[in-house]
Amino acid sequence: RKLFRQKTARSYLTNEDLIAHRDPD
């Protein structure tokens, strides 16, 4: 169930992606 959700996602974010798109707050 996890693999299906992950593979069919149109956008996938990890820690690194979230950190890279943070605002100063």
mmCIF file of all heavy atoms, coordinates in Angstrom:
data_MODEL
# 
_entry.id   MODEL 
# 
loop_
_atom_site.group_PDB 
_atom_site.id 
_atom_site.type_symbol 
_atom_site.label_atom_id 
_atom_site.label_alt_id 
_atom_site.label_comp_id 
_atom_site.label_asym_id 
_atom_site.label_entity_id 
_atom_site.label_seq_id 
_atom_site.pdbx_PDB_ins_code 
_atom_site.Cartn_x 
_atom_site.Cartn_y 
_atom_site.Cartn_z 
_atom_site.occupancy 
_atom_site.B_iso_or_equiv 
_atom_site.pdbx_formal_charge 
_atom_site.auth_seq_id 
_atom_site.auth_comp_id 
_atom_site.auth_asym_id 
_atom_site.auth_atom_id 
_atom_site.pdbx_PDB_model_num 
ATOM 1   N N   . ARG A 1 1  ? 0.828  -1.207 0.000   1.00 0.00 ? 1  ARG A N   1 
ATOM 2   C CA  . ARG A 1 1  ? 0.000  0.000  0.000   1.00 0.00 ? 1  ARG A CA  1 
ATOM 3   C C   . ARG A 1 1  ? 0.861  1.255  0.000   1.00 0.00 ? 1  ARG A C   1 
ATOM 4   O O   . ARG A 1 1  ? 0.561  2.236  -0.688  1.00 0.00 ? 1  ARG A O   1 
ATOM 5   C CB  . ARG A 1 1  ? -0.918 -0.005 1.221   1.00 0.00 ? 1  ARG A CB  1 
ATOM 6   C CG  . ARG A 1 1  ? -1.953 -1.121 1.221   1.00 0.00 ? 1  ARG A CG  1 
ATOM 7   C CD  . ARG A 1 1  ? -2.609 -1.272 2.574   1.00 0.00 ? 1  ARG A CD  1 
ATOM 8   N NE  . ARG A 1 1  ? -1.638 -1.631 3.607   1.00 0.00 ? 1  ARG A NE  1 
ATOM 9   C CZ  . ARG A 1 1  ? -1.914 -1.730 4.902   1.00 0.00 ? 1  ARG A CZ  1 
ATOM 10  N NH1 . ARG A 1 1  ? -3.143 -1.465 5.318   1.00 0.00 ? 1  ARG A NH1 1 
ATOM 11  N NH2 . ARG A 1 1  ? -0.978 -2.066 5.777   1.00 0.00 ? 1  ARG A NH2 1 
ATOM 12  N N   . LYS A 1 2  ? 1.949  1.218  0.748   1.00 0.00 ? 2  LYS A N   1 
ATOM 13  C CA  . LYS A 1 2  ? 2.874  2.352  0.775   1.00 0.00 ? 2  LYS A CA  1 
ATOM 14  C C   . LYS A 1 2  ? 3.566  2.498  -0.569  1.00 0.00 ? 2  LYS A C   1 
ATOM 15  O O   . LYS A 1 2  ? 3.686  3.600  -1.117  1.00 0.00 ? 2  LYS A O   1 
ATOM 16  C CB  . LYS A 1 2  ? 3.880  2.155  1.904   1.00 0.00 ? 2  LYS A CB  1 
ATOM 17  C CG  . LYS A 1 2  ? 4.943  3.240  2.017   1.00 0.00 ? 2  LYS A CG  1 
ATOM 18  C CD  . LYS A 1 2  ? 6.248  2.797  1.408   1.00 0.00 ? 2  LYS A CD  1 
ATOM 19  C CE  . LYS A 1 2  ? 7.333  3.825  1.649   1.00 0.00 ? 2  LYS A CE  1 
ATOM 20  N NZ  . LYS A 1 2  ? 8.572  3.502  0.926   1.00 0.00 ? 2  LYS A NZ  1 
ATOM 21  N N   . LEU A 1 3  ? 4.043  1.397  -1.145  1.00 0.00 ? 3  LEU A N   1 
ATOM 22  C CA  . LEU A 1 3  ? 4.745  1.451  -2.427  1.00 0.00 ? 3  LEU A CA  1 
ATOM 23  C C   . LEU A 1 3  ? 3.829  1.949  -3.541  1.00 0.00 ? 3  LEU A C   1 
ATOM 24  O O   . LEU A 1 3  ? 4.258  2.725  -4.405  1.00 0.00 ? 3  LEU A O   1 
ATOM 25  C CB  . LEU A 1 3  ? 5.304  0.073  -2.774  1.00 0.00 ? 3  LEU A CB  1 
ATOM 26  C CG  . LEU A 1 3  ? 6.409  -0.451 -1.848  1.00 0.00 ? 3  LEU A CG  1 
ATOM 27  C CD1 . LEU A 1 3  ? 6.813  -1.868 -2.264  1.00 0.00 ? 3  LEU A CD1 1 
ATOM 28  C CD2 . LEU A 1 3  ? 7.622  0.475  -1.880  1.00 0.00 ? 3  LEU A CD2 1 
ATOM 29  N N   . PHE A 1 4  ? 2.573  1.528  -3.511  1.00 0.00 ? 4  PHE A N   1 
ATOM 30  C CA  . PHE A 1 4  ? 1.625  1.988  -4.529  1.00 0.00 ? 4  PHE A CA  1 
ATOM 31  C C   . PHE A 1 4  ? 1.429  3.490  -4.441  1.00 0.00 ? 4  PHE A C   1 
ATOM 32  O O   . PHE A 1 4  ? 1.482  4.202  -5.456  1.00 0.00 ? 4  PHE A O   1 
ATOM 33  C CB  . PHE A 1 4  ? 0.287  1.268  -4.365  1.00 0.00 ? 4  PHE A CB  1 
ATOM 34  C CG  . PHE A 1 4  ? -0.799 1.815  -5.261  1.00 0.00 ? 4  PHE A CG  1 
ATOM 35  C CD1 . PHE A 1 4  ? -0.841 1.468  -6.603  1.00 0.00 ? 4  PHE A CD1 1 
ATOM 36  C CD2 . PHE A 1 4  ? -1.753 2.701  -4.769  1.00 0.00 ? 4  PHE A CD2 1 
ATOM 37  C CE1 . PHE A 1 4  ? -1.834 1.987  -7.443  1.00 0.00 ? 4  PHE A CE1 1 
ATOM 38  C CE2 . PHE A 1 4  ? -2.737 3.217  -5.588  1.00 0.00 ? 4  PHE A CE2 1 
ATOM 39  C CZ  . PHE A 1 4  ? -2.782 2.852  -6.925  1.00 0.00 ? 4  PHE A CZ  1 
ATOM 40  N N   . ARG A 1 5  ? 1.204  4.004  -3.229  1.00 0.00 ? 5  ARG A N   1 
ATOM 41  C CA  . ARG A 1 5  ? 1.012  5.445  -3.039  1.00 0.00 ? 5  ARG A CA  1 
ATOM 42  C C   . ARG A 1 5  ? 2.245  6.223  -3.466  1.00 0.00 ? 5  ARG A C   1 
ATOM 43  O O   . ARG A 1 5  ? 2.151  7.283  -4.087  1.00 0.00 ? 5  ARG A O   1 
ATOM 44  C CB  . ARG A 1 5  ? 0.682  5.741  -1.575  1.00 0.00 ? 5  ARG A CB  1 
ATOM 45  C CG  . ARG A 1 5  ? -0.642 5.194  -1.102  1.00 0.00 ? 5  ARG A CG  1 
ATOM 46  C CD  . ARG A 1 5  ? -1.804 5.932  -1.733  1.00 0.00 ? 5  ARG A CD  1 
ATOM 47  N NE  . ARG A 1 5  ? -3.078 5.495  -1.174  1.00 0.00 ? 5  ARG A NE  1 
ATOM 48  C CZ  . ARG A 1 5  ? -4.255 5.984  -1.556  1.00 0.00 ? 5  ARG A CZ  1 
ATOM 49  N NH1 . ARG A 1 5  ? -4.311 6.922  -2.484  1.00 0.00 ? 5  ARG A NH1 1 
ATOM 50  N NH2 . ARG A 1 5  ? -5.368 5.540  -1.015  1.00 0.00 ? 5  ARG A NH2 1 
ATOM 51  N N   . GLN A 1 6  ? 3.400  5.698  -3.122  1.00 0.00 ? 6  GLN A N   1 
ATOM 52  C CA  . GLN A 1 6  ? 4.653  6.384  -3.442  1.00 0.00 ? 6  GLN A CA  1 
ATOM 53  C C   . GLN A 1 6  ? 4.901  6.421  -4.945  1.00 0.00 ? 6  GLN A C   1 
ATOM 54  O O   . GLN A 1 6  ? 5.286  7.455  -5.505  1.00 0.00 ? 6  GLN A O   1 
ATOM 55  C CB  . GLN A 1 6  ? 5.803  5.686  -2.721  1.00 0.00 ? 6  GLN A CB  1 
ATOM 56  C CG  . GLN A 1 6  ? 7.138  6.389  -2.844  1.00 0.00 ? 6  GLN A CG  1 
ATOM 57  C CD  . GLN A 1 6  ? 8.204  5.703  -2.005  1.00 0.00 ? 6  GLN A CD  1 
ATOM 58  O OE1 . GLN A 1 6  ? 7.903  4.906  -1.124  1.00 0.00 ? 6  GLN A OE1 1 
ATOM 59  N NE2 . GLN A 1 6  ? 9.450  6.007  -2.283  1.00 0.00 ? 6  GLN A NE2 1 
ATOM 60  N N   . LYS A 1 7  ? 4.670  5.307  -5.601  1.00 0.00 ? 7  LYS A N   1 
ATOM 61  C CA  . LYS A 1 7  ? 4.982  5.215  -7.034  1.00 0.00 ? 7  LYS A CA  1 
ATOM 62  C C   . LYS A 1 7  ? 3.971  5.951  -7.900  1.00 0.00 ? 7  LYS A C   1 
ATOM 63  O O   . LYS A 1 7  ? 4.292  6.366  -9.019  1.00 0.00 ? 7  LYS A O   1 
ATOM 64  C CB  . LYS A 1 7  ? 5.064  3.747  -7.449  1.00 0.00 ? 7  LYS A CB  1 
ATOM 65  C CG  . LYS A 1 7  ? 6.283  3.028  -6.890  1.00 0.00 ? 7  LYS A CG  1 
ATOM 66  C CD  . LYS A 1 7  ? 6.348  1.579  -7.325  1.00 0.00 ? 7  LYS A CD  1 
ATOM 67  C CE  . LYS A 1 7  ? 7.593  0.892  -6.780  1.00 0.00 ? 7  LYS A CE  1 
ATOM 68  N NZ  . LYS A 1 7  ? 7.658  -0.532 -7.192  1.00 0.00 ? 7  LYS A NZ  1 
ATOM 69  N N   . THR A 1 8  ? 2.755  6.110  -7.409  1.00 0.00 ? 8  THR A N   1 
ATOM 70  C CA  . THR A 1 8  ? 1.731  6.801  -8.212  1.00 0.00 ? 8  THR A CA  1 
ATOM 71  C C   . THR A 1 8  ? 1.613  8.283  -7.864  1.00 0.00 ? 8  THR A C   1 
ATOM 72  O O   . THR A 1 8  ? 0.800  8.990  -8.468  1.00 0.00 ? 8  THR A O   1 
ATOM 73  C CB  . THR A 1 8  ? 0.360  6.131  -8.012  1.00 0.00 ? 8  THR A CB  1 
ATOM 74  O OG1 . THR A 1 8  ? 0.012  6.133  -6.621  1.00 0.00 ? 8  THR A OG1 1 
ATOM 75  C CG2 . THR A 1 8  ? 0.388  4.695  -8.535  1.00 0.00 ? 8  THR A CG2 1 
ATOM 76  N N   . ALA A 1 9  ? 2.418  8.744  -6.917  1.00 0.00 ? 9  ALA A N   1 
ATOM 77  C CA  . ALA A 1 9  ? 2.381  10.165 -6.551  1.00 0.00 ? 9  ALA A CA  1 
ATOM 78  C C   . ALA A 1 9  ? 2.899  11.022 -7.694  1.00 0.00 ? 9  ALA A C   1 
ATOM 79  O O   . ALA A 1 9  ? 3.861  10.662 -8.383  1.00 0.00 ? 9  ALA A O   1 
ATOM 80  C CB  . ALA A 1 9  ? 3.215  10.397 -5.300  1.00 0.00 ? 9  ALA A CB  1 
ATOM 81  N N   . ARG A 1 10 ? 2.273  12.174 -7.886  1.00 0.00 ? 10 ARG A N   1 
ATOM 82  C CA  . ARG A 1 10 ? 2.722  13.103 -8.932  1.00 0.00 ? 10 ARG A CA  1 
ATOM 83  C C   . ARG A 1 10 ? 3.781  14.070 -8.403  1.00 0.00 ? 10 ARG A C   1 
ATOM 84  O O   . ARG A 1 10 ? 4.502  14.687 -9.183  1.00 0.00 ? 10 ARG A O   1 
ATOM 85  C CB  . ARG A 1 10 ? 1.517  13.860 -9.475  1.00 0.00 ? 10 ARG A CB  1 
ATOM 86  C CG  . ARG A 1 10 ? 0.473  12.956 -10.121 1.00 0.00 ? 10 ARG A CG  1 
ATOM 87  C CD  . ARG A 1 10 ? -0.710 13.764 -10.607 1.00 0.00 ? 10 ARG A CD  1 
ATOM 88  N NE  . ARG A 1 10 ? -0.347 14.659 -11.695 1.00 0.00 ? 10 ARG A NE  1 
ATOM 89  C CZ  . ARG A 1 10 ? -1.062 15.713 -12.073 1.00 0.00 ? 10 ARG A CZ  1 
ATOM 90  N NH1 . ARG A 1 10 ? -2.165 16.024 -11.398 1.00 0.00 ? 10 ARG A NH1 1 
ATOM 91  N NH2 . ARG A 1 10 ? -0.682 16.466 -13.077 1.00 0.00 ? 10 ARG A NH2 1 
ATOM 92  N N   . SER A 1 11 ? 3.835  14.229 -7.085  1.00 0.00 ? 11 SER A N   1 
ATOM 93  C CA  . SER A 1 11 ? 4.879  15.026 -6.431  1.00 0.00 ? 11 SER A CA  1 
ATOM 94  C C   . SER A 1 11 ? 5.371  14.242 -5.229  1.00 0.00 ? 11 SER A C   1 
ATOM 95  O O   . SER A 1 11 ? 4.569  13.624 -4.510  1.00 0.00 ? 11 SER A O   1 
ATOM 96  C CB  . SER A 1 11 ? 4.344  16.386 -5.977  1.00 0.00 ? 11 SER A CB  1 
ATOM 97  O OG  . SER A 1 11 ? 3.839  17.142 -7.062  1.00 0.00 ? 11 SER A OG  1 
ATOM 98  N N   . TYR A 1 12 ? 6.691  14.240 -5.000  1.00 0.00 ? 12 TYR A N   1 
ATOM 99  C CA  . TYR A 1 12 ? 7.279  13.480 -3.890  1.00 0.00 ? 12 TYR A CA  1 
ATOM 100 C C   . TYR A 1 12 ? 8.293  14.371 -3.192  1.00 0.00 ? 12 TYR A C   1 
ATOM 101 O O   . TYR A 1 12 ? 9.243  14.856 -3.808  1.00 0.00 ? 12 TYR A O   1 
ATOM 102 C CB  . TYR A 1 12 ? 7.947  12.214 -4.418  1.00 0.00 ? 12 TYR A CB  1 
ATOM 103 C CG  . TYR A 1 12 ? 8.543  11.338 -3.337  1.00 0.00 ? 12 TYR A CG  1 
ATOM 104 C CD1 . TYR A 1 12 ? 7.763  10.388 -2.688  1.00 0.00 ? 12 TYR A CD1 1 
ATOM 105 C CD2 . TYR A 1 12 ? 9.873  11.468 -2.957  1.00 0.00 ? 12 TYR A CD2 1 
ATOM 106 C CE1 . TYR A 1 12 ? 8.296  9.581  -1.693  1.00 0.00 ? 12 TYR A CE1 1 
ATOM 107 C CE2 . TYR A 1 12 ? 10.416 10.667 -1.962  1.00 0.00 ? 12 TYR A CE2 1 
ATOM 108 C CZ  . TYR A 1 12 ? 9.625  9.718  -1.337  1.00 0.00 ? 12 TYR A CZ  1 
ATOM 109 O OH  . TYR A 1 12 ? 10.161 8.932  -0.356  1.00 0.00 ? 12 TYR A OH  1 
ATOM 110 N N   . LEU A 1 13 ? 8.066  14.605 -1.886  1.00 0.00 ? 13 LEU A N   1 
ATOM 111 C CA  . LEU A 1 13 ? 8.948  15.480 -1.127  1.00 0.00 ? 13 LEU A CA  1 
ATOM 112 C C   . LEU A 1 13 ? 9.594  14.723 0.026   1.00 0.00 ? 13 LEU A C   1 
ATOM 113 O O   . LEU A 1 13 ? 8.933  13.945 0.723   1.00 0.00 ? 13 LEU A O   1 
ATOM 114 C CB  . LEU A 1 13 ? 8.165  16.669 -0.555  1.00 0.00 ? 13 LEU A CB  1 
ATOM 115 C CG  . LEU A 1 13 ? 7.452  17.596 -1.544  1.00 0.00 ? 13 LEU A CG  1 
ATOM 116 C CD1 . LEU A 1 13 ? 6.792  18.741 -0.787  1.00 0.00 ? 13 LEU A CD1 1 
ATOM 117 C CD2 . LEU A 1 13 ? 8.414  18.126 -2.586  1.00 0.00 ? 13 LEU A CD2 1 
ATOM 118 N N   . THR A 1 14 ? 10.876 14.982 0.233   1.00 0.00 ? 14 THR A N   1 
ATOM 119 C CA  . THR A 1 14 ? 11.619 14.429 1.355   1.00 0.00 ? 14 THR A CA  1 
ATOM 120 C C   . THR A 1 14 ? 12.076 15.575 2.259   1.00 0.00 ? 14 THR A C   1 
ATOM 121 O O   . THR A 1 14 ? 11.802 16.753 1.983   1.00 0.00 ? 14 THR A O   1 
ATOM 122 C CB  . THR A 1 14 ? 12.852 13.664 0.860   1.00 0.00 ? 14 THR A CB  1 
ATOM 123 O OG1 . THR A 1 14 ? 13.729 14.585 0.195   1.00 0.00 ? 14 THR A OG1 1 
ATOM 124 C CG2 . THR A 1 14 ? 12.457 12.553 -0.105  1.00 0.00 ? 14 THR A CG2 1 
ATOM 125 N N   . ASN A 1 15 ? 12.809 15.246 3.319   1.00 0.00 ? 15 ASN A N   1 
ATOM 126 C CA  . ASN A 1 15 ? 13.359 16.284 4.195   1.00 0.00 ? 15 ASN A CA  1 
ATOM 127 C C   . ASN A 1 15 ? 14.131 17.323 3.403   1.00 0.00 ? 15 ASN A C   1 
ATOM 128 O O   . ASN A 1 15 ? 14.004 18.525 3.627   1.00 0.00 ? 15 ASN A O   1 
ATOM 129 C CB  . ASN A 1 15 ? 14.301 15.651 5.226   1.00 0.00 ? 15 ASN A CB  1 
ATOM 130 C CG  . ASN A 1 15 ? 13.563 14.973 6.357   1.00 0.00 ? 15 ASN A CG  1 
ATOM 131 O OD1 . ASN A 1 15 ? 12.450 15.355 6.695   1.00 0.00 ? 15 ASN A OD1 1 
ATOM 132 N ND2 . ASN A 1 15 ? 14.175 13.973 6.948   1.00 0.00 ? 15 ASN A ND2 1 
ATOM 133 N N   . GLU A 1 16 ? 14.976 16.844 2.495   1.00 0.00 ? 16 GLU A N   1 
ATOM 134 C CA  . GLU A 1 16 ? 15.837 17.748 1.727   1.00 0.00 ? 16 GLU A CA  1 
ATOM 135 C C   . GLU A 1 16 ? 15.014 18.716 0.879   1.00 0.00 ? 16 GLU A C   1 
ATOM 136 O O   . GLU A 1 16 ? 15.345 19.904 0.774   1.00 0.00 ? 16 GLU A O   1 
ATOM 137 C CB  . GLU A 1 16 ? 16.795 16.940 0.840   1.00 0.00 ? 16 GLU A CB  1 
ATOM 138 C CG  . GLU A 1 16 ? 17.858 16.163 1.596   1.00 0.00 ? 16 GLU A CG  1 
ATOM 139 C CD  . GLU A 1 16 ? 17.318 14.934 2.321   1.00 0.00 ? 16 GLU A CD  1 
ATOM 140 O OE1 . GLU A 1 16 ? 16.212 14.458 1.942   1.00 0.00 ? 16 GLU A OE1 1 
ATOM 141 O OE2 . GLU A 1 16 ? 17.974 14.476 3.266   1.00 0.00 ? 16 GLU A OE2 1 
ATOM 142 N N   . ASP A 1 17 ? 13.949 18.223 0.284   1.00 0.00 ? 17 ASP A N   1 
ATOM 143 C CA  . ASP A 1 17 ? 13.087 19.093 -0.529  1.00 0.00 ? 17 ASP A CA  1 
ATOM 144 C C   . ASP A 1 17 ? 12.402 20.152 0.332   1.00 0.00 ? 17 ASP A C   1 
ATOM 145 O O   . ASP A 1 17 ? 12.304 21.326 -0.046  1.00 0.00 ? 17 ASP A O   1 
ATOM 146 C CB  . ASP A 1 17 ? 12.012 18.264 -1.247  1.00 0.00 ? 17 ASP A CB  1 
ATOM 147 C CG  . ASP A 1 17 ? 12.609 17.249 -2.199  1.00 0.00 ? 17 ASP A CG  1 
ATOM 148 O OD1 . ASP A 1 17 ? 13.476 17.617 -3.004  1.00 0.00 ? 17 ASP A OD1 1 
ATOM 149 O OD2 . ASP A 1 17 ? 12.205 16.077 -2.121  1.00 0.00 ? 17 ASP A OD2 1 
ATOM 150 N N   . LEU A 1 18 ? 11.935 19.741 1.503   1.00 0.00 ? 18 LEU A N   1 
ATOM 151 C CA  . LEU A 1 18 ? 11.257 20.679 2.388   1.00 0.00 ? 18 LEU A CA  1 
ATOM 152 C C   . LEU A 1 18 ? 12.218 21.759 2.877   1.00 0.00 ? 18 LEU A C   1 
ATOM 153 O O   . LEU A 1 18 ? 11.882 22.948 2.906   1.00 0.00 ? 18 LEU A O   1 
ATOM 154 C CB  . LEU A 1 18 ? 10.661 19.936 3.580   1.00 0.00 ? 18 LEU A CB  1 
ATOM 155 C CG  . LEU A 1 18 ? 9.569  18.913 3.249   1.00 0.00 ? 18 LEU A CG  1 
ATOM 156 C CD1 . LEU A 1 18 ? 9.195  18.126 4.489   1.00 0.00 ? 18 LEU A CD1 1 
ATOM 157 C CD2 . LEU A 1 18 ? 8.350  19.596 2.662   1.00 0.00 ? 18 LEU A CD2 1 
ATOM 158 N N   . ILE A 1 19 ? 13.420 21.349 3.244   1.00 0.00 ? 19 ILE A N   1 
ATOM 159 C CA  . ILE A 1 19 ? 14.417 22.308 3.727   1.00 0.00 ? 19 ILE A CA  1 
ATOM 160 C C   . ILE A 1 19 ? 14.804 23.282 2.621   1.00 0.00 ? 19 ILE A C   1 
ATOM 161 O O   . ILE A 1 19 ? 14.972 24.485 2.852   1.00 0.00 ? 19 ILE A O   1 
ATOM 162 C CB  . ILE A 1 19 ? 15.651 21.562 4.264   1.00 0.00 ? 19 ILE A CB  1 
ATOM 163 C CG1 . ILE A 1 19 ? 15.282 20.805 5.543   1.00 0.00 ? 19 ILE A CG1 1 
ATOM 164 C CG2 . ILE A 1 19 ? 16.807 22.527 4.530   1.00 0.00 ? 19 ILE A CG2 1 
ATOM 165 C CD1 . ILE A 1 19 ? 16.358 19.855 6.031   1.00 0.00 ? 19 ILE A CD1 1 
ATOM 166 N N   . ALA A 1 20 ? 14.919 22.776 1.409   1.00 0.00 ? 20 ALA A N   1 
ATOM 167 C CA  . ALA A 1 20 ? 15.341 23.621 0.287   1.00 0.00 ? 20 ALA A CA  1 
ATOM 168 C C   . ALA A 1 20 ? 14.318 24.687 -0.067  1.00 0.00 ? 20 ALA A C   1 
ATOM 169 O O   . ALA A 1 20 ? 14.672 25.710 -0.678  1.00 0.00 ? 20 ALA A O   1 
ATOM 170 C CB  . ALA A 1 20 ? 15.630 22.746 -0.936  1.00 0.00 ? 20 ALA A CB  1 
ATOM 171 N N   . HIS A 1 21 ? 13.059 24.478 0.298   1.00 0.00 ? 21 HIS A N   1 
ATOM 172 C CA  . HIS A 1 21 ? 11.998 25.424 -0.068  1.00 0.00 ? 21 HIS A CA  1 
ATOM 173 C C   . HIS A 1 21 ? 11.368 26.094 1.154   1.00 0.00 ? 21 HIS A C   1 
ATOM 174 O O   . HIS A 1 21 ? 10.214 26.510 1.128   1.00 0.00 ? 21 HIS A O   1 
ATOM 175 C CB  . HIS A 1 21 ? 10.922 24.712 -0.895  1.00 0.00 ? 21 HIS A CB  1 
ATOM 176 C CG  . HIS A 1 21 ? 11.405 24.261 -2.235  1.00 0.00 ? 21 HIS A CG  1 
ATOM 177 N ND1 . HIS A 1 21 ? 11.933 23.010 -2.457  1.00 0.00 ? 21 HIS A ND1 1 
ATOM 178 C CD2 . HIS A 1 21 ? 11.471 24.917 -3.424  1.00 0.00 ? 21 HIS A CD2 1 
ATOM 179 C CE1 . HIS A 1 21 ? 12.278 22.898 -3.720  1.00 0.00 ? 21 HIS A CE1 1 
ATOM 180 N NE2 . HIS A 1 21 ? 12.019 24.034 -4.335  1.00 0.00 ? 21 HIS A NE2 1 
ATOM 181 N N   . ARG A 1 22 ? 12.151 26.223 2.195   1.00 0.00 ? 22 ARG A N   1 
ATOM 182 C CA  . ARG A 1 22 ? 11.673 26.914 3.387   1.00 0.00 ? 22 ARG A CA  1 
ATOM 183 C C   . ARG A 1 22 ? 11.832 28.411 3.259   1.00 0.00 ? 22 ARG A C   1 
ATOM 184 O O   . ARG A 1 22 ? 12.780 28.902 2.650   1.00 0.00 ? 22 ARG A O   1 
ATOM 185 C CB  . ARG A 1 22 ? 12.474 26.451 4.612   1.00 0.00 ? 22 ARG A CB  1 
ATOM 186 C CG  . ARG A 1 22 ? 11.998 25.176 5.257   1.00 0.00 ? 22 ARG A CG  1 
ATOM 187 C CD  . ARG A 1 22 ? 12.913 24.815 6.406   1.00 0.00 ? 22 ARG A CD  1 
ATOM 188 N NE  . ARG A 1 22 ? 12.391 23.731 7.221   1.00 0.00 ? 22 ARG A NE  1 
ATOM 189 C CZ  . ARG A 1 22 ? 13.090 23.111 8.156   1.00 0.00 ? 22 ARG A CZ  1 
ATOM 190 N NH1 . ARG A 1 22 ? 14.348 23.470 8.388   1.00 0.00 ? 22 ARG A NH1 1 
ATOM 191 N NH2 . ARG A 1 22 ? 12.545 22.142 8.857   1.00 0.00 ? 22 ARG A NH2 1 
ATOM 192 N N   . ASP A 1 23 ? 10.893 29.119 3.891   1.00 0.00 ? 23 ASP A N   1 
ATOM 193 C CA  . ASP A 1 23 ? 11.038 30.557 4.080   1.00 0.00 ? 23 ASP A CA  1 
ATOM 194 C C   . ASP A 1 23 ? 11.897 30.808 5.314   1.00 0.00 ? 23 ASP A C   1 
ATOM 195 O O   . ASP A 1 23 ? 12.194 29.870 6.072   1.00 0.00 ? 23 ASP A O   1 
ATOM 196 C CB  . ASP A 1 23 ? 9.659  31.198 4.251   1.00 0.00 ? 23 ASP A CB  1 
ATOM 197 C CG  . ASP A 1 23 ? 8.914  31.332 2.932   1.00 0.00 ? 23 ASP A CG  1 
ATOM 198 O OD1 . ASP A 1 23 ? 9.585  31.355 1.884   1.00 0.00 ? 23 ASP A OD1 1 
ATOM 199 O OD2 . ASP A 1 23 ? 7.663  31.413 2.959   1.00 0.00 ? 23 ASP A OD2 1 
ATOM 200 N N   . PRO A 1 24 ? 12.297 32.053 5.561   1.00 0.00 ? 24 PRO A N   1 
ATOM 201 C CA  . PRO A 1 24 ? 13.114 32.348 6.752   1.00 0.00 ? 24 PRO A CA  1 
ATOM 202 C C   . PRO A 1 24 ? 12.478 31.936 8.069   1.00 0.00 ? 24 PRO A C   1 
ATOM 203 O O   . PRO A 1 24 ? 13.188 31.676 9.042   1.00 0.00 ? 24 PRO A O   1 
ATOM 204 C CB  . PRO A 1 24 ? 13.284 33.874 6.669   1.00 0.00 ? 24 PRO A CB  1 
ATOM 205 C CG  . PRO A 1 24 ? 13.215 34.179 5.216   1.00 0.00 ? 24 PRO A CG  1 
ATOM 206 C CD  . PRO A 1 24 ? 12.184 33.230 4.666   1.00 0.00 ? 24 PRO A CD  1 
ATOM 207 N N   . ASP A 1 25 ? 11.125 31.853 8.127   1.00 0.00 ? 25 ASP A N   1 
ATOM 208 C CA  . ASP A 1 25 ? 10.469 31.447 9.377   1.00 0.00 ? 25 ASP A CA  1 
ATOM 209 C C   . ASP A 1 25 ? 10.472 29.937 9.581   1.00 0.00 ? 25 ASP A C   1 
ATOM 210 O O   . ASP A 1 25 ? 9.954  29.435 10.580  1.00 0.00 ? 25 ASP A O   1 
ATOM 211 C CB  . ASP A 1 25 ? 9.039  31.975 9.431   1.00 0.00 ? 25 ASP A CB  1 
ATOM 212 C CG  . ASP A 1 25 ? 8.156  31.404 8.320   1.00 0.00 ? 25 ASP A CG  1 
ATOM 213 O OD1 . ASP A 1 25 ? 8.640  30.605 7.501   1.00 0.00 ? 25 ASP A OD1 1 
ATOM 214 O OD2 . ASP A 1 25 ? 6.963  31.775 8.279   1.00 0.00 ? 25 ASP A OD2 1 
# 
